[in-house]
Every structure is written in structure tokens, then in C-alpha cells.
């Protein structure tokens, strides 16, 4: 694109002009790159999850955060995470081993059949699932209190816990069979 030309984006479905403007050298080229990345990411999400987006009059911070999160799962990306909260159901099978596992620094993998709440882009809920978050090194917060809660709980009870990742968390989509 050259300076002096005019860019017009027309939305065909509603037969209306989305926007128009005149590029201004390098600044416009950078804006074009950002817009192209946004459009490419939206197309990737539409293709992967079978949703359709209609560009709103205004893109919100929540739209960008949701898109970033979804792309992180799609691309197997990582992110610094301060804490991860989860719950664990006490069972006959795990009641003897969980306390010692909680006391050791280790790797954790949390899987979900779907992300809840579902991320939303332009008012469209995106059904992301099944997925996993893996951290290779983390520690339980309030270890002894958490262990005591677990030990005192009845089989079938869920206890909530918090882990603190010490390395970036890895995000990934899982096959339905996983």
C-alpha cells in the first residue's frame, strides 16, 4: 500500500462500509500488520472451533484477552501464572499417597473437558475443550494446612488447594480421546 491511497473495508453480510481511511506511511503499515494478525487469529479460532464472528463496532479488552487465551491453548503456548486453584476429591485410592505428594515440589497437570466460563469474543462463546495446563515445577501453598484438610476429609469430599508455579505454565488442547 502506498501513501495517498484509500482503504475501504466493506462488510458483505450486512452490506455496509466497515471503515475507510488513508494510509500514512510506516504508521499505517504497522497498523495493517496488527489488523492482519487479529484477522488471521480470528479465522484460526473460527476454523478450529466452528464459530462465526461478526466484527463489532468496537473491540474490547475482554475480546483481546479471550482471543489471546484461546490462541495460547491452540499453539501450546506458555505464560507466567501466579497461582492455580483446584479441588481434589479424596478417594480410597488416593488417601495414602496424596499427603506425601503435596509435600514434594513437583509437576502438575490439570485437565478440563471444557474451559469454564467459556471465553467470549465479540459476544460469541467459544467452546474450548478438552484442554490441559501443565507446570513442570510448583509448590502447594499452605502445605501443612492443606494436608490436614485432606487427611480430615471424608472419602468423597473435595478439598480446595492452591499451587504456586515456579516456572511458566504450558497450555494445550487435547484430543477428545485423551
N, C-alpha and C. Protein backbone atom coordinates (compact mmCIF):
# COMPACT_ATOMS: atom_id res chain seq x y z
N UNK A 1 0.84 -1.17 0.00
CA UNK A 1 0.00 0.00 0.00
C UNK A 1 0.89 1.24 0.00
N UNK A 2 0.48 2.23 -0.71
CA UNK A 2 1.26 3.44 -0.80
C UNK A 2 0.52 4.62 -0.18
N UNK A 3 1.29 5.61 0.26
CA UNK A 3 0.70 6.83 0.80
C UNK A 3 -0.15 7.49 -0.27
N UNK A 4 -1.32 7.99 0.14
CA UNK A 4 -2.20 8.68 -0.80
C UNK A 4 -3.35 7.83 -1.28
N UNK A 5 -3.26 6.52 -1.13
CA UNK A 5 -4.37 5.64 -1.50
C UNK A 5 -5.41 5.62 -0.40
N UNK A 6 -6.58 5.06 -0.70
CA UNK A 6 -7.62 4.96 0.31
C UNK A 6 -7.96 3.49 0.51
N UNK A 7 -8.13 3.10 1.76
CA UNK A 7 -8.51 1.74 2.11
C UNK A 7 -9.97 1.76 2.53
N UNK A 8 -10.77 0.88 1.93
CA UNK A 8 -12.17 0.76 2.29
C UNK A 8 -12.42 -0.71 2.61
N UNK A 9 -12.95 -0.97 3.82
CA UNK A 9 -13.32 -2.33 4.20
C UNK A 9 -14.84 -2.35 4.23
N UNK A 10 -15.40 -3.25 3.44
CA UNK A 10 -16.85 -3.34 3.30
C UNK A 10 -17.30 -4.69 3.87
N UNK A 11 -18.29 -4.68 4.77
CA UNK A 11 -18.83 -5.92 5.33
C UNK A 11 -19.93 -6.39 4.38
N UNK A 12 -19.71 -7.55 3.75
CA UNK A 12 -20.62 -8.04 2.72
C UNK A 12 -21.93 -8.54 3.30
N UNK A 13 -21.88 -9.20 4.46
CA UNK A 13 -23.08 -9.79 5.02
C UNK A 13 -24.16 -8.75 5.32
N UNK A 14 -23.75 -7.62 5.88
CA UNK A 14 -24.72 -6.57 6.18
C UNK A 14 -24.71 -5.46 5.14
N UNK A 15 -23.91 -5.63 4.11
CA UNK A 15 -23.81 -4.68 3.02
C UNK A 15 -23.63 -3.25 3.53
N UNK A 16 -22.54 -3.09 4.31
CA UNK A 16 -22.25 -1.75 4.83
C UNK A 16 -20.73 -1.56 4.87
N UNK A 17 -20.35 -0.32 4.82
CA UNK A 17 -18.94 0.00 4.91
C UNK A 17 -18.50 -0.12 6.35
N UNK A 18 -17.44 -0.91 6.58
CA UNK A 18 -16.93 -1.11 7.93
C UNK A 18 -16.06 0.07 8.35
N UNK A 19 -15.10 0.43 7.51
CA UNK A 19 -14.32 1.65 7.74
C UNK A 19 -13.56 2.00 6.47
N UNK A 20 -13.10 3.23 6.45
CA UNK A 20 -12.24 3.65 5.35
C UNK A 20 -11.22 4.62 5.92
N UNK A 21 -10.14 4.78 5.23
CA UNK A 21 -9.12 5.70 5.69
C UNK A 21 -7.98 5.78 4.71
N UNK A 22 -7.14 6.75 4.96
CA UNK A 22 -5.97 6.94 4.10
C UNK A 22 -4.73 6.53 4.88
N UNK A 23 -3.94 5.63 4.32
CA UNK A 23 -2.72 5.21 5.00
C UNK A 23 -1.71 6.35 5.08
N UNK A 24 -0.94 6.34 6.16
CA UNK A 24 0.07 7.37 6.36
C UNK A 24 1.42 6.71 6.59
N UNK A 25 2.02 6.26 5.53
CA UNK A 25 3.37 5.72 5.59
C UNK A 25 3.53 4.54 6.55
N UNK A 26 4.65 4.51 7.28
CA UNK A 26 5.02 3.39 8.13
C UNK A 26 4.03 3.16 9.26
N UNK A 27 3.45 4.24 9.80
CA UNK A 27 2.49 4.08 10.90
C UNK A 27 1.33 3.22 10.44
N UNK A 28 0.80 3.50 9.27
CA UNK A 28 -0.32 2.71 8.76
C UNK A 28 0.12 1.27 8.49
N UNK A 29 1.33 1.09 8.02
CA UNK A 29 1.80 -0.27 7.74
C UNK A 29 1.84 -1.09 9.03
N UNK A 30 2.24 -0.49 10.14
CA UNK A 30 2.24 -1.19 11.42
C UNK A 30 0.82 -1.52 11.85
N UNK A 31 -0.09 -0.58 11.66
CA UNK A 31 -1.50 -0.83 11.99
C UNK A 31 -2.05 -1.95 11.12
N UNK A 32 -1.64 -1.98 9.86
CA UNK A 32 -2.08 -3.03 8.95
C UNK A 32 -1.61 -4.39 9.45
N UNK A 33 -0.36 -4.45 9.91
CA UNK A 33 0.17 -5.72 10.42
C UNK A 33 -0.62 -6.19 11.64
N UNK A 34 -0.93 -5.28 12.54
CA UNK A 34 -1.70 -5.63 13.74
C UNK A 34 -3.09 -6.12 13.34
N UNK A 35 -3.74 -5.40 12.43
CA UNK A 35 -5.07 -5.80 11.96
C UNK A 35 -5.01 -7.15 11.27
N UNK A 36 -3.98 -7.38 10.47
CA UNK A 36 -3.86 -8.66 9.76
C UNK A 36 -3.66 -9.81 10.74
N UNK A 37 -2.85 -9.61 11.77
CA UNK A 37 -2.66 -10.65 12.79
C UNK A 37 -3.98 -10.93 13.50
N UNK A 38 -4.72 -9.89 13.85
CA UNK A 38 -6.02 -10.05 14.50
C UNK A 38 -6.95 -10.87 13.61
N UNK A 39 -7.06 -10.51 12.34
CA UNK A 39 -7.94 -11.21 11.42
C UNK A 39 -7.50 -12.67 11.25
N UNK A 40 -6.20 -12.90 11.10
CA UNK A 40 -5.70 -14.27 10.96
C UNK A 40 -6.02 -15.10 12.20
N UNK A 41 -5.84 -14.52 13.39
CA UNK A 41 -6.14 -15.23 14.64
C UNK A 41 -7.63 -15.56 14.73
N UNK A 42 -8.48 -14.61 14.36
CA UNK A 42 -9.92 -14.84 14.41
C UNK A 42 -10.33 -15.97 13.44
N UNK A 43 -9.72 -15.98 12.27
CA UNK A 43 -10.01 -17.04 11.29
C UNK A 43 -9.56 -18.39 11.84
N UNK A 44 -8.38 -18.44 12.47
CA UNK A 44 -7.90 -19.70 13.07
C UNK A 44 -8.89 -20.22 14.11
N UNK A 45 -9.39 -19.33 14.96
CA UNK A 45 -10.34 -19.73 16.01
C UNK A 45 -11.66 -20.19 15.38
N UNK A 46 -12.15 -19.46 14.39
CA UNK A 46 -13.38 -19.87 13.71
C UNK A 46 -13.23 -21.26 13.11
N UNK A 47 -12.11 -21.50 12.42
CA UNK A 47 -11.89 -22.79 11.77
C UNK A 47 -11.78 -23.92 12.79
N UNK A 48 -11.08 -23.68 13.88
CA UNK A 48 -10.84 -24.75 14.87
C UNK A 48 -12.08 -25.09 15.68
N UNK A 49 -12.87 -24.08 16.05
CA UNK A 49 -13.99 -24.31 16.97
C UNK A 49 -15.37 -24.19 16.32
N UNK A 50 -15.42 -23.93 15.02
CA UNK A 50 -16.70 -23.91 14.32
C UNK A 50 -17.62 -22.78 14.73
N UNK A 51 -17.06 -21.64 15.05
CA UNK A 51 -17.87 -20.47 15.41
C UNK A 51 -17.74 -19.44 14.29
N UNK A 52 -18.64 -18.47 14.28
CA UNK A 52 -18.59 -17.38 13.31
C UNK A 52 -18.61 -16.06 14.05
N UNK A 53 -17.67 -15.19 13.71
CA UNK A 53 -17.60 -13.87 14.32
C UNK A 53 -18.10 -12.81 13.36
N UNK A 54 -18.73 -11.80 13.90
CA UNK A 54 -19.09 -10.60 13.16
C UNK A 54 -18.37 -9.46 13.86
N UNK A 55 -17.59 -8.73 13.10
CA UNK A 55 -16.79 -7.65 13.67
C UNK A 55 -17.71 -6.59 14.27
N UNK A 56 -17.50 -6.31 15.56
CA UNK A 56 -18.32 -5.28 16.21
C UNK A 56 -17.80 -3.88 15.88
N UNK A 57 -18.54 -2.89 16.30
CA UNK A 57 -18.10 -1.51 16.12
C UNK A 57 -16.87 -1.21 16.95
N UNK A 58 -16.71 -1.95 18.05
CA UNK A 58 -15.57 -1.71 18.95
C UNK A 58 -15.06 -3.05 19.49
N UNK A 59 -13.76 -3.27 19.45
CA UNK A 59 -13.14 -4.46 20.02
C UNK A 59 -12.79 -4.14 21.47
N UNK A 60 -13.23 -4.99 22.40
CA UNK A 60 -12.99 -4.73 23.82
C UNK A 60 -11.73 -5.43 24.30
N UNK A 61 -11.28 -5.01 25.46
CA UNK A 61 -10.13 -5.65 26.11
C UNK A 61 -10.44 -7.12 26.39
N UNK A 62 -11.69 -7.41 26.78
CA UNK A 62 -12.11 -8.79 27.05
C UNK A 62 -12.02 -9.64 25.78
N UNK A 63 -12.38 -9.06 24.62
CA UNK A 63 -12.26 -9.77 23.35
C UNK A 63 -10.80 -10.17 23.10
N UNK A 64 -9.90 -9.23 23.32
CA UNK A 64 -8.47 -9.48 23.09
C UNK A 64 -7.93 -10.51 24.08
N UNK A 65 -8.33 -10.39 25.36
CA UNK A 65 -7.88 -11.36 26.38
C UNK A 65 -8.37 -12.76 26.04
N UNK A 66 -9.63 -12.88 25.63
CA UNK A 66 -10.18 -14.20 25.27
C UNK A 66 -9.44 -14.77 24.06
N UNK A 67 -9.21 -13.94 23.05
CA UNK A 67 -8.50 -14.39 21.86
C UNK A 67 -7.09 -14.84 22.22
N UNK A 68 -6.42 -14.08 23.06
CA UNK A 68 -5.06 -14.43 23.49
C UNK A 68 -5.04 -15.76 24.23
N UNK A 69 -6.00 -15.97 25.12
CA UNK A 69 -6.08 -17.22 25.86
C UNK A 69 -6.32 -18.40 24.93
N UNK A 70 -7.27 -18.25 24.02
CA UNK A 70 -7.59 -19.34 23.10
C UNK A 70 -6.39 -19.67 22.22
N UNK A 71 -5.74 -18.64 21.69
CA UNK A 71 -4.55 -18.87 20.85
C UNK A 71 -3.42 -19.54 21.64
N UNK A 72 -3.29 -19.20 22.92
CA UNK A 72 -2.28 -19.82 23.76
C UNK A 72 -2.53 -21.33 23.86
N UNK A 73 -3.78 -21.73 24.04
CA UNK A 73 -4.11 -23.16 24.06
C UNK A 73 -3.87 -23.78 22.69
N UNK A 74 -4.29 -23.12 21.63
CA UNK A 74 -4.15 -23.67 20.28
C UNK A 74 -2.69 -23.87 19.88
N UNK A 75 -1.83 -22.96 20.31
CA UNK A 75 -0.43 -23.00 19.89
C UNK A 75 0.49 -23.69 20.89
N UNK A 76 -0.07 -24.22 21.99
CA UNK A 76 0.78 -24.85 23.00
C UNK A 76 1.69 -23.84 23.67
N UNK A 77 1.18 -22.64 23.88
CA UNK A 77 1.98 -21.56 24.45
C UNK A 77 2.15 -21.67 25.96
N UNK A 78 2.95 -20.78 26.49
CA UNK A 78 3.21 -20.73 27.92
C UNK A 78 2.90 -19.33 28.45
N UNK A 79 2.74 -19.26 29.76
CA UNK A 79 2.53 -17.96 30.41
C UNK A 79 2.94 -18.06 31.86
N UNK A 80 3.40 -16.93 32.39
CA UNK A 80 3.69 -16.83 33.82
C UNK A 80 2.34 -16.79 34.54
N UNK A 81 2.17 -17.64 35.55
CA UNK A 81 0.93 -17.70 36.32
C UNK A 81 1.30 -17.62 37.79
N UNK A 82 0.65 -16.72 38.52
CA UNK A 82 0.95 -16.56 39.95
C UNK A 82 0.46 -17.73 40.78
N UNK A 83 -0.77 -18.18 40.50
CA UNK A 83 -1.33 -19.28 41.27
C UNK A 83 -2.34 -20.03 40.43
N UNK A 84 -2.55 -21.29 40.81
CA UNK A 84 -3.56 -22.12 40.18
C UNK A 84 -4.39 -22.72 41.30
N UNK A 85 -5.70 -22.57 41.21
CA UNK A 85 -6.60 -23.12 42.22
C UNK A 85 -7.34 -24.30 41.63
N UNK A 86 -7.53 -25.31 42.45
CA UNK A 86 -8.25 -26.51 42.00
C UNK A 86 -8.85 -27.19 43.22
N UNK A 87 -9.58 -28.24 42.96
CA UNK A 87 -10.09 -29.05 44.06
C UNK A 87 -9.75 -30.51 43.77
N UNK A 88 -9.64 -31.27 44.83
CA UNK A 88 -9.26 -32.68 44.76
C UNK A 88 -10.26 -33.47 45.59
N UNK A 89 -10.81 -34.51 44.99
CA UNK A 89 -11.76 -35.37 45.72
C UNK A 89 -10.97 -36.50 46.37
N UNK A 90 -11.15 -36.63 47.67
CA UNK A 90 -10.47 -37.69 48.41
C UNK A 90 -11.12 -39.02 48.07
N UNK A 91 -10.28 -40.02 47.82
CA UNK A 91 -10.79 -41.36 47.50
C UNK A 91 -9.97 -42.39 48.26
N UNK A 92 -10.47 -43.59 48.29
CA UNK A 92 -9.74 -44.69 48.93
C UNK A 92 -8.40 -44.87 48.22
N UNK A 93 -8.40 -44.69 46.90
CA UNK A 93 -7.18 -44.90 46.10
C UNK A 93 -6.12 -43.83 46.36
N UNK A 94 -6.52 -42.60 46.69
CA UNK A 94 -5.52 -41.54 46.81
C UNK A 94 -5.23 -41.09 48.24
N UNK A 95 -5.99 -41.57 49.23
CA UNK A 95 -5.84 -41.03 50.57
C UNK A 95 -4.47 -41.30 51.19
N UNK A 96 -3.79 -42.37 50.80
CA UNK A 96 -2.47 -42.67 51.37
C UNK A 96 -1.34 -41.93 50.66
N UNK A 97 -1.50 -41.64 49.38
CA UNK A 97 -0.39 -41.06 48.61
C UNK A 97 -0.42 -39.54 48.49
N UNK A 98 -1.59 -38.94 48.53
CA UNK A 98 -1.70 -37.50 48.29
C UNK A 98 -0.92 -36.67 49.30
N UNK A 99 -0.97 -36.95 50.61
CA UNK A 99 -0.22 -36.10 51.54
C UNK A 99 1.28 -36.01 51.23
N UNK A 100 1.91 -37.12 50.89
CA UNK A 100 3.35 -37.06 50.57
C UNK A 100 3.59 -36.33 49.25
N UNK A 101 2.67 -36.48 48.30
CA UNK A 101 2.80 -35.76 47.03
C UNK A 101 2.67 -34.26 47.24
N UNK A 102 1.78 -33.86 48.14
CA UNK A 102 1.59 -32.43 48.40
C UNK A 102 2.84 -31.81 49.02
N UNK A 103 3.56 -32.58 49.79
CA UNK A 103 4.75 -32.05 50.47
C UNK A 103 5.95 -31.97 49.55
N UNK A 104 5.89 -32.59 48.41
CA UNK A 104 7.03 -32.55 47.48
C UNK A 104 6.78 -31.51 46.40
N UNK A 105 7.86 -30.86 46.01
CA UNK A 105 7.77 -29.93 44.88
C UNK A 105 7.70 -30.80 43.64
N UNK A 106 6.78 -30.53 42.75
CA UNK A 106 6.67 -31.40 41.60
C UNK A 106 5.96 -30.77 40.44
N UNK A 107 5.68 -31.62 39.46
CA UNK A 107 4.97 -31.21 38.26
C UNK A 107 3.48 -31.46 38.45
N UNK A 108 2.68 -30.62 37.84
CA UNK A 108 1.23 -30.75 37.93
C UNK A 108 0.63 -30.59 36.54
N UNK A 109 -0.40 -31.37 36.30
CA UNK A 109 -1.14 -31.27 35.04
C UNK A 109 -2.62 -31.25 35.39
N UNK A 110 -3.28 -30.20 34.97
CA UNK A 110 -4.71 -30.05 35.22
C UNK A 110 -5.41 -30.15 33.87
N UNK A 111 -6.37 -31.06 33.76
CA UNK A 111 -7.12 -31.20 32.52
C UNK A 111 -8.57 -30.78 32.74
N UNK A 112 -9.16 -30.27 31.69
CA UNK A 112 -10.56 -29.83 31.72
C UNK A 112 -11.26 -30.38 30.49
N UNK A 113 -12.51 -30.80 30.66
CA UNK A 113 -13.28 -31.24 29.49
C UNK A 113 -13.66 -30.03 28.64
N UNK A 114 -13.77 -28.86 29.29
CA UNK A 114 -14.03 -27.61 28.59
C UNK A 114 -13.61 -26.46 29.50
N UNK A 115 -13.27 -25.33 28.92
CA UNK A 115 -12.96 -24.16 29.74
C UNK A 115 -14.25 -23.55 30.27
N UNK A 116 -14.28 -23.29 31.54
CA UNK A 116 -15.44 -22.63 32.17
C UNK A 116 -14.94 -21.46 32.99
N UNK A 117 -15.49 -20.31 32.83
CA UNK A 117 -16.50 -19.98 31.83
C UNK A 117 -15.90 -19.98 30.43
N UNK A 118 -16.75 -20.22 29.44
CA UNK A 118 -16.26 -20.24 28.07
C UNK A 118 -15.78 -18.86 27.67
N UNK A 119 -14.61 -18.79 27.02
CA UNK A 119 -14.14 -17.49 26.54
C UNK A 119 -15.13 -16.93 25.51
N UNK A 120 -15.24 -15.62 25.47
CA UNK A 120 -16.20 -14.97 24.58
C UNK A 120 -15.48 -13.91 23.76
N UNK A 121 -15.72 -13.96 22.44
CA UNK A 121 -15.15 -12.98 21.52
C UNK A 121 -16.29 -12.38 20.72
N UNK A 122 -16.42 -11.06 20.75
CA UNK A 122 -17.46 -10.34 20.03
C UNK A 122 -18.85 -10.88 20.37
N UNK A 123 -19.03 -11.29 21.63
CA UNK A 123 -20.31 -11.80 22.08
C UNK A 123 -20.57 -13.26 21.74
N UNK A 124 -19.60 -13.94 21.12
CA UNK A 124 -19.74 -15.35 20.74
C UNK A 124 -18.93 -16.20 21.71
N UNK A 125 -19.60 -17.15 22.38
CA UNK A 125 -18.90 -18.06 23.28
C UNK A 125 -18.17 -19.10 22.44
N UNK A 126 -16.89 -19.33 22.80
CA UNK A 126 -16.05 -20.26 22.05
C UNK A 126 -15.89 -21.53 22.88
N UNK A 127 -16.37 -22.68 22.38
CA UNK A 127 -16.35 -23.93 23.14
C UNK A 127 -14.97 -24.60 23.14
N UNK A 128 -14.07 -24.08 23.98
CA UNK A 128 -12.72 -24.63 24.06
C UNK A 128 -12.73 -25.84 24.99
N UNK A 129 -12.34 -26.96 24.50
CA UNK A 129 -12.24 -28.15 25.33
C UNK A 129 -11.82 -29.29 24.45
N UNK A 130 -11.46 -30.38 24.96
CA UNK A 130 -10.74 -30.59 26.20
C UNK A 130 -9.35 -29.95 26.12
N UNK A 131 -8.84 -29.57 27.28
CA UNK A 131 -7.57 -28.85 27.31
C UNK A 131 -6.82 -29.17 28.60
N UNK A 132 -5.56 -28.77 28.64
CA UNK A 132 -4.72 -29.02 29.81
C UNK A 132 -3.79 -27.85 30.06
N UNK A 133 -3.43 -27.72 31.33
CA UNK A 133 -2.40 -26.77 31.76
C UNK A 133 -1.38 -27.59 32.54
N UNK A 134 -0.12 -27.47 32.17
CA UNK A 134 0.93 -28.24 32.79
C UNK A 134 2.00 -27.30 33.33
N UNK A 135 2.41 -27.56 34.56
CA UNK A 135 3.51 -26.80 35.15
C UNK A 135 4.55 -27.81 35.63
N UNK A 136 5.79 -27.64 35.20
CA UNK A 136 6.83 -28.61 35.50
C UNK A 136 7.39 -28.50 36.91
N UNK A 137 7.20 -27.34 37.55
CA UNK A 137 7.69 -27.20 38.92
C UNK A 137 6.80 -26.21 39.66
N UNK A 138 6.19 -26.70 40.73
CA UNK A 138 5.30 -25.85 41.53
C UNK A 138 5.27 -26.38 42.96
N UNK A 139 4.73 -25.56 43.84
CA UNK A 139 4.60 -25.98 45.24
C UNK A 139 3.21 -25.63 45.74
N UNK A 140 2.75 -26.42 46.68
CA UNK A 140 1.45 -26.14 47.30
C UNK A 140 1.58 -24.97 48.24
N UNK A 141 0.57 -24.13 48.25
CA UNK A 141 0.51 -23.04 49.21
C UNK A 141 -0.10 -23.61 50.51
N UNK A 142 0.41 -23.17 51.67
CA UNK A 142 -0.09 -23.65 52.97
C UNK A 142 -0.13 -25.18 53.01
N UNK A 143 1.01 -25.80 52.75
CA UNK A 143 1.09 -27.25 52.60
C UNK A 143 0.50 -27.99 53.80
N UNK A 144 0.97 -27.67 54.99
CA UNK A 144 0.52 -28.45 56.15
C UNK A 144 -0.98 -28.29 56.41
N UNK A 145 -1.50 -27.09 56.26
CA UNK A 145 -2.94 -26.88 56.45
C UNK A 145 -3.73 -27.63 55.37
N UNK A 146 -3.22 -27.65 54.14
CA UNK A 146 -3.90 -28.36 53.06
C UNK A 146 -3.86 -29.86 53.29
N UNK A 147 -2.71 -30.37 53.72
CA UNK A 147 -2.59 -31.80 54.03
C UNK A 147 -3.56 -32.18 55.14
N UNK A 148 -3.64 -31.36 56.19
CA UNK A 148 -4.55 -31.65 57.30
C UNK A 148 -6.01 -31.66 56.83
N UNK A 149 -6.38 -30.67 56.01
CA UNK A 149 -7.73 -30.65 55.45
C UNK A 149 -8.03 -31.94 54.69
N UNK A 150 -7.06 -32.38 53.89
CA UNK A 150 -7.23 -33.61 53.10
C UNK A 150 -7.36 -34.82 54.02
N UNK A 151 -6.46 -34.93 55.00
CA UNK A 151 -6.50 -36.07 55.91
C UNK A 151 -7.79 -36.12 56.72
N UNK A 152 -8.29 -34.98 57.13
CA UNK A 152 -9.51 -34.92 57.94
C UNK A 152 -10.80 -35.08 57.12
N UNK A 153 -10.70 -34.91 55.82
CA UNK A 153 -11.88 -35.00 54.96
C UNK A 153 -12.35 -36.44 54.84
N UNK A 154 -13.64 -36.61 54.64
CA UNK A 154 -14.20 -37.93 54.40
C UNK A 154 -13.98 -38.31 52.93
N UNK A 155 -13.89 -39.61 52.66
CA UNK A 155 -13.77 -40.08 51.29
C UNK A 155 -14.99 -39.56 50.52
N UNK A 156 -14.74 -39.01 49.34
CA UNK A 156 -15.79 -38.42 48.52
C UNK A 156 -15.88 -36.91 48.66
N UNK A 157 -15.21 -36.36 49.68
CA UNK A 157 -15.20 -34.91 49.88
C UNK A 157 -14.15 -34.26 49.00
N UNK A 158 -14.43 -33.04 48.57
CA UNK A 158 -13.47 -32.28 47.77
C UNK A 158 -12.82 -31.23 48.64
N UNK A 159 -11.52 -31.10 48.51
CA UNK A 159 -10.81 -30.01 49.19
C UNK A 159 -10.22 -29.09 48.13
N UNK A 160 -10.24 -27.82 48.43
CA UNK A 160 -9.66 -26.85 47.52
C UNK A 160 -8.21 -26.62 47.91
N UNK A 161 -7.38 -26.37 46.91
CA UNK A 161 -5.98 -26.09 47.17
C UNK A 161 -5.46 -25.10 46.14
N UNK A 162 -4.31 -24.52 46.47
CA UNK A 162 -3.65 -23.57 45.59
C UNK A 162 -2.21 -24.01 45.40
N UNK A 163 -1.76 -24.01 44.15
CA UNK A 163 -0.35 -24.25 43.89
C UNK A 163 0.24 -22.98 43.28
N UNK A 164 1.52 -22.80 43.54
CA UNK A 164 2.28 -21.65 43.02
C UNK A 164 3.31 -22.16 42.01
N UNK A 165 3.06 -21.95 40.73
CA UNK A 165 4.03 -22.36 39.72
C UNK A 165 5.34 -21.59 39.87
N UNK A 166 6.43 -22.30 39.72
CA UNK A 166 7.76 -21.68 39.79
C UNK A 166 8.39 -21.53 38.42
N UNK A 167 7.71 -22.03 37.41
CA UNK A 167 8.12 -21.90 36.01
C UNK A 167 6.86 -21.59 35.19
N UNK A 168 7.00 -21.13 33.96
CA UNK A 168 5.81 -20.84 33.16
C UNK A 168 4.91 -22.07 32.99
N UNK A 169 3.62 -21.83 32.91
CA UNK A 169 2.63 -22.88 32.71
C UNK A 169 2.44 -23.09 31.21
N UNK A 170 2.35 -24.35 30.81
CA UNK A 170 2.16 -24.71 29.40
C UNK A 170 0.67 -25.02 29.17
N UNK A 171 0.10 -24.48 28.11
CA UNK A 171 -1.30 -24.65 27.77
C UNK A 171 -1.41 -25.47 26.50
N UNK A 172 -2.41 -26.37 26.44
CA UNK A 172 -2.57 -27.16 25.22
C UNK A 172 -4.00 -27.68 25.07
N UNK A 173 -4.39 -27.87 23.82
CA UNK A 173 -5.66 -28.51 23.53
C UNK A 173 -5.40 -30.01 23.49
N UNK A 174 -6.36 -30.78 23.93
CA UNK A 174 -6.26 -32.24 23.93
C UNK A 174 -7.21 -32.83 22.91
N UNK A 175 -6.87 -34.02 22.41
CA UNK A 175 -7.81 -34.73 21.54
C UNK A 175 -8.98 -35.18 22.41
N UNK A 176 -10.14 -35.35 21.79
CA UNK A 176 -11.31 -35.80 22.53
C UNK A 176 -11.08 -37.14 23.22
N UNK A 177 -10.20 -37.98 22.67
CA UNK A 177 -9.94 -39.30 23.23
C UNK A 177 -8.99 -39.27 24.41
N UNK A 178 -8.31 -38.11 24.65
CA UNK A 178 -7.30 -38.02 25.71
C UNK A 178 -7.94 -38.03 27.07
